[in-house]
Structure formats: C-alpha cells, structure tokens
Amino acid sequence: MSRLQQGVTYEQIQEWVQEKYGFHVTHLNIAKTKRKCGIIERKNYNLPKNEDSRSPETPKEKEEAIIEAFRHFGMI
C-alpha cells in the first residue's frame, strides 16, 4: 500500500514541491506522473466523454520534481 493511500495528499506533494523547487504543480501534473510511474490510483469517474481528447503534457522539470516528492514521501 502506498503512503498516498496512508495519508499523503496531493496538497502535501504540492507544498513540498513549492518549498523545495519554488514552483507550483497541479493535481493533473501529479496524477499523470503517478500513472507514468505505475502508482495505482483510485477509480476516476470524471473521465472525458471522447477517448481522443487530450490534456496538456507535464513539463519535464515539474515531472522530475514530482518524482522526487514521491521518493521523499516513500511512494516509490
């Protein structure tokens, strides 16, 4: 079971990244990075109606900061 399921929230990840790197990451950035790292998320019922819909890519520096936050919180 990941620590996220044990109490680490997206807000805590956002705060940690803000304090350490000085920029803001969104919930979408965190969710996309979790999927990329293979971290299981709970079922999302707010899915796009069209499978071809696209969302913006997470910038590399933000993705790396989020991965570092995952390591900090023991998620990976």
Protein backbone atom coordinates (compact mmCIF):
# COMPACT_ATOMS: atom_id res chain seq x y z
CA MET A 1 0.00 0.00 0.00
CA SER A 2 1.46 3.38 -0.96
CA ARG A 3 1.85 6.16 1.57
CA LEU A 4 -0.55 8.22 -0.55
CA GLN A 5 -3.26 5.77 0.48
CA GLN A 6 -1.98 6.07 4.06
CA GLY A 7 -2.40 9.83 4.17
CA VAL A 8 -0.07 11.73 1.81
CA THR A 9 -2.29 14.13 -0.09
CA TYR A 10 -1.87 15.95 -3.38
CA GLU A 11 -1.76 19.17 -1.35
CA GLN A 12 1.20 17.87 0.68
CA ILE A 13 3.01 16.96 -2.53
CA GLN A 14 2.23 20.41 -3.94
CA GLU A 15 3.53 22.13 -0.79
CA TRP A 16 6.71 20.05 -0.75
CA VAL A 17 7.46 20.84 -4.41
CA GLN A 18 6.68 24.55 -3.81
CA GLU A 19 9.04 24.73 -0.83
CA LYS A 20 11.88 22.75 -2.42
CA TYR A 21 11.71 23.94 -6.05
CA GLY A 22 9.76 27.21 -5.90
CA PHE A 23 7.07 26.39 -8.44
CA HIS A 24 3.50 25.07 -8.35
CA VAL A 25 2.40 21.71 -9.71
CA THR A 26 -1.24 20.89 -10.41
CA HIS A 27 -3.29 17.87 -9.44
CA LEU A 28 -3.26 16.91 -13.13
CA ASN A 29 0.55 17.01 -13.16
CA ILE A 30 0.67 14.74 -10.10
CA ALA A 31 -1.92 12.30 -11.47
CA LYS A 32 -0.18 12.00 -14.84
CA THR A 33 3.19 11.42 -13.16
CA LYS A 34 1.64 8.78 -10.87
CA ARG A 35 0.33 6.92 -13.91
CA LYS A 36 3.72 7.18 -15.61
CA CYS A 37 5.41 5.72 -12.50
CA GLY A 38 2.86 2.92 -12.25
CA ILE A 39 1.36 4.12 -8.97
CA ILE A 40 -2.20 2.85 -8.78
CA GLU A 41 -4.88 5.50 -8.41
CA ARG A 42 -8.43 5.02 -7.30
CA LYS A 43 -11.24 4.90 -9.87
CA ASN A 44 -11.89 8.23 -11.55
CA TYR A 45 -15.49 8.84 -12.52
CA ASN A 46 -14.82 12.23 -14.15
CA LEU A 47 -13.43 10.85 -17.40
CA PRO A 48 -13.63 12.60 -20.78
CA LYS A 49 -16.51 11.50 -22.99
CA ASN A 50 -14.27 11.32 -26.04
CA GLU A 51 -11.30 8.93 -25.95
CA ASP A 52 -9.43 11.19 -28.39
CA SER A 53 -9.46 14.17 -26.01
CA ARG A 54 -6.03 15.40 -24.99
CA SER A 55 -4.68 17.12 -21.92
CA PRO A 56 -1.54 19.23 -21.65
CA GLU A 57 1.80 17.48 -21.10
CA THR A 58 3.60 17.89 -17.79
CA PRO A 59 6.84 19.86 -18.25
CA LYS A 60 9.97 17.75 -17.63
CA GLU A 61 11.18 19.86 -14.67
CA LYS A 62 7.81 19.52 -12.92
CA GLU A 63 7.68 15.78 -13.58
CA GLU A 64 11.16 15.34 -12.10
CA ALA A 65 10.19 17.41 -9.03
CA ILE A 66 7.04 15.32 -8.52
CA ILE A 67 9.04 12.09 -8.79
CA GLU A 68 11.44 13.45 -6.18
CA ALA A 69 8.43 14.21 -3.94
CA PHE A 70 7.23 10.62 -4.42
CA ARG A 71 10.64 9.43 -3.24
CA HIS A 72 10.57 11.85 -0.29
CA PHE A 73 7.19 10.51 0.83
CA GLY A 74 8.20 6.87 0.24
CA MET A 75 5.76 6.26 -2.59
CA ILE A 76 8.43 4.85 -4.93
